[in-house]
PDB file of N, CA and C in Angstrom:
ATOM      1  N   MET A   1       6.378  96.544-119.753  1.00  0.00           N
ATOM      2  CA  MET A   1       6.421  95.627-120.879  1.00  0.00           C
ATOM      3  C   MET A   1       5.024  95.505-121.483  1.00  0.00           C
ATOM      4  N   LEU A   2       4.964  95.433-122.765  1.00  0.00           N
ATOM      5  CA  LEU A   2       3.691  95.379-123.473  1.00  0.00           C
ATOM      6  C   LEU A   2       3.230  93.959-123.775  1.00  0.00           C
ATOM      7  N   GLY A   3       3.969  92.944-123.329  1.00  0.00           N
ATOM      8  CA  GLY A   3       3.598  91.567-123.609  1.00  0.00           C
ATOM      9  C   GLY A   3       3.882  91.140-125.038  1.00  0.00           C
ATOM     10  N   LEU A   4       4.858  91.756-125.640  1.00  0.00           N
ATOM     11  CA  LEU A   4       5.167  91.502-127.049  1.00  0.00           C
ATOM     12  C   LEU A   4       6.473  90.734-127.238  1.00  0.00           C
ATOM     13  N   GLU A   5       6.987  90.131-126.186  1.00  0.00           N
ATOM     14  CA  GLU A   5       8.309  89.519-126.227  1.00  0.00           C
ATOM     15  C   GLU A   5       8.540  88.604-127.421  1.00  0.00           C
ATOM     16  N   LYS A   6       7.598  87.780-127.757  1.00  0.00           N
ATOM     17  CA  LYS A   6       7.784  86.809-128.847  1.00  0.00           C
ATOM     18  C   LYS A   6       7.456  87.392-130.217  1.00  0.00           C
ATOM     19  N   LYS A   7       6.992  88.618-130.238  1.00  0.00           N
ATOM     20  CA  LYS A   7       6.630  89.249-131.508  1.00  0.00           C
ATOM     21  C   LYS A   7       7.693  90.227-131.994  1.00  0.00           C
ATOM     22  N   LEU A   8       8.732  90.420-131.180  1.00  0.00           N
ATOM     23  CA  LEU A   8       9.787  91.380-131.505  1.00  0.00           C
ATOM     24  C   LEU A   8      11.150  90.705-131.497  1.00  0.00           C
ATOM     25  N   VAL A   9      12.081  91.275-132.253  1.00  0.00           N
ATOM     26  CA  VAL A   9      13.453  90.805-132.149  1.00  0.00           C
ATOM     27  C   VAL A   9      14.007  91.297-130.815  1.00  0.00           C
ATOM     28  N   LYS A  10      14.977  90.587-130.300  1.00  0.00           N
ATOM     29  CA  LYS A  10      15.493  90.797-128.951  1.00  0.00           C
ATOM     30  C   LYS A  10      15.811  92.258-128.629  1.00  0.00           C
ATOM     31  N   GLU A  11      16.488  92.944-129.527  1.00  0.00           N
ATOM     32  CA  GLU A  11      16.921  94.314-129.235  1.00  0.00           C
ATOM     33  C   GLU A  11      15.782  95.310-129.064  1.00  0.00           C
ATOM     34  N   TRP A  12      14.574  94.948-129.494  1.00  0.00           N
ATOM     35  CA  TRP A  12      13.429  95.855-129.366  1.00  0.00           C
ATOM     36  C   TRP A  12      12.527  95.499-128.197  1.00  0.00           C
ATOM     37  N   GLU A  13      12.783  94.402-127.534  1.00  0.00           N
ATOM     38  CA  GLU A  13      11.991  94.029-126.364  1.00  0.00           C
ATOM     39  C   GLU A  13      12.155  95.078-125.273  1.00  0.00           C
ATOM     40  N   GLY A  14      11.070  95.404-124.588  1.00  0.00           N
ATOM     41  CA  GLY A  14      11.119  96.354-123.488  1.00  0.00           C
ATOM     42  C   GLY A  14      11.021  97.810-123.903  1.00  0.00           C
ATOM     43  N   LYS A  15      10.924  98.068-125.191  1.00  0.00           N
ATOM     44  CA  LYS A  15      10.798  99.447-125.675  1.00  0.00           C
ATOM     45  C   LYS A  15       9.358  99.926-125.508  1.00  0.00           C
ATOM     46  N   SER A  16       9.179 101.228-125.485  1.00  0.00           N
ATOM     47  CA  SER A  16       7.841 101.808-125.358  1.00  0.00           C
ATOM     48  C   SER A  16       7.056 101.626-126.659  1.00  0.00           C
ATOM     49  N   ALA A  17       5.753 101.781-126.566  1.00  0.00           N
ATOM     50  CA  ALA A  17       4.905 101.681-127.757  1.00  0.00           C
ATOM     51  C   ALA A  17       5.314 102.724-128.792  1.00  0.00           C
ATOM     52  N   GLN A  18       5.663 103.928-128.347  1.00  0.00           N
ATOM     53  CA  GLN A  18       6.099 104.984-129.266  1.00  0.00           C
ATOM     54  C   GLN A  18       7.381 104.580-129.990  1.00  0.00           C
ATOM     55  N   GLU A  19       8.338 104.040-129.241  1.00  0.00           N
ATOM     56  CA  GLU A  19       9.590 103.605-129.854  1.00  0.00           C
ATOM     57  C   GLU A  19       9.338 102.479-130.858  1.00  0.00           C
ATOM     58  N   LEU A  20       8.453 101.560-130.505  1.00  0.00           N
ATOM     59  CA  LEU A  20       8.144 100.442-131.406  1.00  0.00           C
ATOM     60  C   LEU A  20       7.436 100.922-132.664  1.00  0.00           C
ATOM     61  N   ALA A  21       6.532 101.862-132.539  1.00  0.00           N
ATOM     62  CA  ALA A  21       5.825 102.380-133.707  1.00  0.00           C
ATOM     63  C   ALA A  21       6.793 103.025-134.697  1.00  0.00           C
ATOM     64  N   ASP A  22       7.832 103.662-134.160  1.00  0.00           N
ATOM     65  CA  ASP A  22       8.803 104.344-135.008  1.00  0.00           C
ATOM     66  C   ASP A  22       9.982 103.456-135.407  1.00  0.00           C
ATOM     67  N   ALA A  23       9.960 102.203-134.954  1.00  0.00           N
ATOM     68  CA  ALA A  23      11.037 101.255-135.256  1.00  0.00           C
ATOM     69  C   ALA A  23      10.930 100.775-136.708  1.00  0.00           C
ATOM     70  N   PRO A  24      12.046 100.320-137.259  1.00  0.00           N
ATOM     71  CA  PRO A  24      11.974  99.718-138.599  1.00  0.00           C
ATOM     72  C   PRO A  24      11.145  98.435-138.542  1.00  0.00           C
ATOM     73  N   VAL A  25      10.555  98.060-139.654  1.00  0.00           N
ATOM     74  CA  VAL A  25       9.714  96.863-139.687  1.00  0.00           C
ATOM     75  C   VAL A  25      10.487  95.610-139.291  1.00  0.00           C
ATOM     76  N   THR A  26      11.798  95.642-139.413  1.00  0.00           N
ATOM     77  CA  THR A  26      12.607  94.492-139.021  1.00  0.00           C
ATOM     78  C   THR A  26      12.629  94.292-137.503  1.00  0.00           C
ATOM     79  N   ALA A  27      12.043  95.201-136.734  1.00  0.00           N
ATOM     80  CA  ALA A  27      11.909  95.013-135.286  1.00  0.00           C
ATOM     81  C   ALA A  27      10.889  93.918-134.983  1.00  0.00           C
ATOM     82  N   ILE A  28      10.037  93.610-135.943  1.00  0.00           N
ATOM     83  CA  ILE A  28       9.036  92.560-135.786  1.00  0.00           C
ATOM     84  C   ILE A  28       9.702  91.218-136.091  1.00  0.00           C
ATOM     85  N   ALA A  29       9.553  90.292-135.173  1.00  0.00           N
ATOM     86  CA  ALA A  29      10.154  88.965-135.344  1.00  0.00           C
ATOM     87  C   ALA A  29       9.681  88.345-136.652  1.00  0.00           C
ATOM     88  N   GLY A  30      10.617  87.841-137.430  1.00  0.00           N
ATOM     89  CA  GLY A  30      10.286  87.173-138.682  1.00  0.00           C
ATOM     90  C   GLY A  30      10.339  88.063-139.909  1.00  0.00           C
ATOM     91  N   VAL A  31      10.418  89.382-139.727  1.00  0.00           N
ATOM     92  CA  VAL A  31      10.518  90.293-140.870  1.00  0.00           C
ATOM     93  C   VAL A  31      12.007  90.493-141.167  1.00  0.00           C
ATOM     94  N   THR A  32      12.422  90.028-142.327  1.00  0.00           N
ATOM     95  CA  THR A  32      13.837  90.097-142.702  1.00  0.00           C
ATOM     96  C   THR A  32      14.151  91.416-143.403  1.00  0.00           C
ATOM     97  N   GLU A  33      15.432  91.648-143.595  1.00  0.00           N
ATOM     98  CA  GLU A  33      15.854  92.829-144.363  1.00  0.00           C
ATOM     99  C   GLU A  33      15.291  92.766-145.785  1.00  0.00           C
ATOM    100  N   ALA A  34      15.259  91.566-146.363  1.00  0.00           N
ATOM    101  CA  ALA A  34      14.701  91.404-147.714  1.00  0.00           C
ATOM    102  C   ALA A  34      13.210  91.746-147.720  1.00  0.00           C
ATOM    103  N   ASP A  35      12.491  91.316-146.683  1.00  0.00           N
ATOM    104  CA  ASP A  35      11.072  91.663-146.564  1.00  0.00           C
ATOM    105  C   ASP A  35      10.910  93.178-146.466  1.00  0.00           C
ATOM    106  N   ALA A  36      11.757  93.793-145.649  1.00  0.00           N
ATOM    107  CA  ALA A  36      11.693  95.245-145.452  1.00  0.00           C
ATOM    108  C   ALA A  36      11.929  95.984-146.763  1.00  0.00           C
ATOM    109  N   GLU A  37      12.890  95.500-147.543  1.00  0.00           N
ATOM    110  CA  GLU A  37      13.168  96.129-148.841  1.00  0.00           C
ATOM    111  C   GLU A  37      11.956  96.023-149.768  1.00  0.00           C
ATOM    112  N   LYS A  38      11.283  94.881-149.749  1.00  0.00           N
ATOM    113  CA  LYS A  38      10.094  94.695-150.590  1.00  0.00           C
ATOM    114  C   LYS A  38       8.948  95.577-150.137  1.00  0.00           C
ATOM    115  N   LEU A  39       8.747  95.688-148.824  1.00  0.00           N
ATOM    116  CA  LEU A  39       7.690  96.561-148.295  1.00  0.00           C
ATOM    117  C   LEU A  39       7.950  98.020-148.667  1.00  0.00           C
ATOM    118  N   LEU A  40       9.215  98.422-148.602  1.00  0.00           N
ATOM    119  CA  LEU A  40       9.574  99.789-148.970  1.00  0.00           C
ATOM    120  C   LEU A  40       9.333 100.033-150.454  1.00  0.00           C
ATOM    121  N   ALA A  41       9.784  99.110-151.280  1.00  0.00           N
ATOM    122  CA  ALA A  41       9.641  99.281-152.731  1.00  0.00           C
ATOM    123  C   ALA A  41       8.174  99.263-153.167  1.00  0.00           C
ATOM    124  N   ALA A  42       7.395  98.362-152.594  1.00  0.00           N
ATOM    125  CA  ALA A  42       6.010  98.202-153.036  1.00  0.00           C
ATOM    126  C   ALA A  42       5.049  99.222-152.427  1.00  0.00           C
ATOM    127  N   PHE A  43       5.269  99.556-151.144  1.00  0.00           N
ATOM    128  CA  PHE A  43       4.287 100.370-150.433  1.00  0.00           C
ATOM    129  C   PHE A  43       4.863 101.597-149.727  1.00  0.00           C
ATOM    130  N   GLY A  44       6.158 101.795-149.803  1.00  0.00           N
ATOM    131  CA  GLY A  44       6.777 102.928-149.105  1.00  0.00           C
ATOM    132  C   GLY A  44       6.816 102.744-147.593  1.00  0.00           C
ATOM    133  N   ILE A  45       6.753 101.498-147.145  1.00  0.00           N
ATOM    134  CA  ILE A  45       6.708 101.195-145.715  1.00  0.00           C
ATOM    135  C   ILE A  45       8.118 101.066-145.167  1.00  0.00           C
ATOM    136  N   LYS A  46       8.433 101.898-144.149  1.00  0.00           N
ATOM    137  CA  LYS A  46       9.741 101.860-143.502  1.00  0.00           C
ATOM    138  C   LYS A  46       9.628 101.447-142.034  1.00  0.00           C
ATOM    139  N   THR A  47       8.562 101.875-141.374  1.00  0.00           N
ATOM    140  CA  THR A  47       8.436 101.680-139.929  1.00  0.00           C
ATOM    141  C   THR A  47       7.246 100.789-139.582  1.00  0.00           C
ATOM    142  N   VAL A  48       7.213 100.367-138.339  1.00  0.00           N
ATOM    143  CA  VAL A  48       6.071  99.596-137.847  1.00  0.00           C
ATOM    144  C   VAL A  48       4.800 100.437-137.974  1.00  0.00           C
ATOM    145  N   ARG A  49       4.897 101.732-137.700  1.00  0.00           N
ATOM    146  CA  ARG A  49       3.739 102.628-137.849  1.00  0.00           C
ATOM    147  C   ARG A  49       3.249 102.647-139.294  1.00  0.00           C
ATOM    148  N   ASP A  50       4.174 102.744-140.239  1.00  0.00           N
ATOM    149  CA  ASP A  50       3.802 102.721-141.655  1.00  0.00           C
ATOM    150  C   ASP A  50       3.046 101.437-141.994  1.00  0.00           C
ATOM    151  N   LEU A  51       3.548 100.325-141.477  1.00  0.00           N
ATOM    152  CA  LEU A  51       2.920  99.029-141.740  1.00  0.00           C
ATOM    153  C   LEU A  51       1.514  98.984-141.144  1.00  0.00           C
ATOM    154  N   GLY A  52       1.391  99.439-139.915  1.00  0.00           N
ATOM    155  CA  GLY A  52       0.104  99.378-139.225  1.00  0.00           C
ATOM    156  C   GLY A  52      -0.938 100.341-139.753  1.00  0.00           C
ATOM    157  N   THR A  53      -0.510 101.366-140.444  1.00  0.00           N
ATOM    158  CA  THR A  53      -1.465 102.355-140.948  1.00  0.00           C
ATOM    159  C   THR A  53      -1.615 102.330-142.467  1.00  0.00           C
ATOM    160  N   ASN A  54      -0.955 101.382-143.112  1.00  0.00           N
ATOM    161  CA  ASN A  54      -1.052 101.276-144.564  1.00  0.00           C
ATOM    162  C   ASN A  54      -2.503 101.020-144.973  1.00  0.00           C
ATOM    163  N   LYS A  55      -3.010 101.825-145.886  1.00  0.00           N
ATOM    164  CA  LYS A  55      -4.427 101.737-146.237  1.00  0.00           C
ATOM    165  C   LYS A  55      -4.812 100.379-146.802  1.00  0.00           C
ATOM    166  N   TYR A  56      -3.945  99.765-147.566  1.00  0.00           N
ATOM    167  CA  TYR A  56      -4.288  98.468-148.150  1.00  0.00           C
ATOM    168  C   TYR A  56      -4.382  97.380-147.084  1.00  0.00           C
ATOM    169  N   PHE A  57      -3.465  97.409-146.142  1.00  0.00           N
ATOM    170  CA  PHE A  57      -3.505  96.431-145.063  1.00  0.00           C
ATOM    171  C   PHE A  57      -4.719  96.662-144.163  1.00  0.00           C
ATOM    172  N   ARG A  58      -5.051  97.927-143.926  1.00  0.00           N
ATOM    173  CA  ARG A  58      -6.227  98.239-143.097  1.00  0.00           C
ATOM    174  C   ARG A  58      -7.512  97.822-143.807  1.00  0.00           C
ATOM    175  N   TRP A  59      -7.571  98.029-145.120  1.00  0.00           N
ATOM    176  CA  TRP A  59      -8.751  97.596-145.877  1.00  0.00           C
ATOM    177  C   TRP A  59      -8.896  96.082-145.797  1.00  0.00           C
ATOM    178  N   ALA A  60      -7.789  95.386-145.953  1.00  0.00           N
ATOM    179  CA  ALA A  60      -7.823  93.916-145.872  1.00  0.00           C
ATOM    180  C   ALA A  60      -8.272  93.474-144.489  1.00  0.00           C
ATOM    181  N   GLN A  61      -7.799  94.103-143.439  1.00  0.00           N
ATOM    182  CA  GLN A  61      -8.233  93.746-142.075  1.00  0.00           C
ATOM    183  C   GLN A  61      -9.723  93.973-141.915  1.00  0.00           C
ATOM    184  N   GLY A  62     -10.234  95.072-142.462  1.00  0.00           N
ATOM    185  CA  GLY A  62     -11.665  95.358-142.384  1.00  0.00           C
ATOM    186  C   GLY A  62     -12.495  94.320-143.110  1.00  0.00           C
ATOM    187  N   LEU A  63     -12.038  93.909-144.283  1.00  0.00           N
ATOM    188  CA  LEU A  63     -12.757  92.892-145.062  1.00  0.00           C
ATOM    189  C   LEU A  63     -12.781  91.554-144.325  1.00  0.00           C
ATOM    190  N   VAL A  64     -11.657  91.192-143.737  1.00  0.00           N
ATOM    191  CA  VAL A  64     -11.589  89.934-142.991  1.00  0.00           C
ATOM    192  C   VAL A  64     -12.505  89.994-141.770  1.00  0.00           C
ATOM    193  N   ALA A  65     -12.523  91.138-141.088  1.00  0.00           N
ATOM    194  CA  ALA A  65     -13.403  91.291-139.925  1.00  0.00           C
ATOM    195  C   ALA A  65     -14.868  91.154-140.328  1.00  0.00           C
ATOM    196  N   LEU A  66     -15.229  91.723-141.467  1.00  0.00           N
ATOM    197  CA  LEU A  66     -16.608  91.612-141.961  1.00  0.00           C
ATOM    198  C   LEU A  66     -16.939  90.164-142.320  1.00  0.00           C
ATOM    199  N   ALA A  67     -15.977  89.477-142.922  1.00  0.00           N
ATOM    200  CA  ALA A  67     -16.204  88.091-143.338  1.00  0.00           C
ATOM    201  C   ALA A  67     -16.363  87.164-142.137  1.00  0.00           C
ATOM    202  N   ASP A  68     -15.679  87.488-141.051  1.00  0.00           N
ATOM    203  CA  ASP A  68     -15.770  86.643-139.855  1.00  0.00           C
ATOM    204  C   ASP A  68     -17.042  86.962-139.113  1.00  0.00           C
TER     205      ASP A  68
END
């Protein structure tokens, strides 16, 4: 277990990191189908991997890290 129980929807708990990376973004607790549709339309994001490697999100994380 990766210690992600509260960050994932029930059906994705206990999956490997590889399986989670390739999972749809709705595997993340709180991400709805409507959210997923918006992420796909705006950024082409389908999977958790897509979300985690999206250049805009990574740039924002870098800026926040610099600001802190």
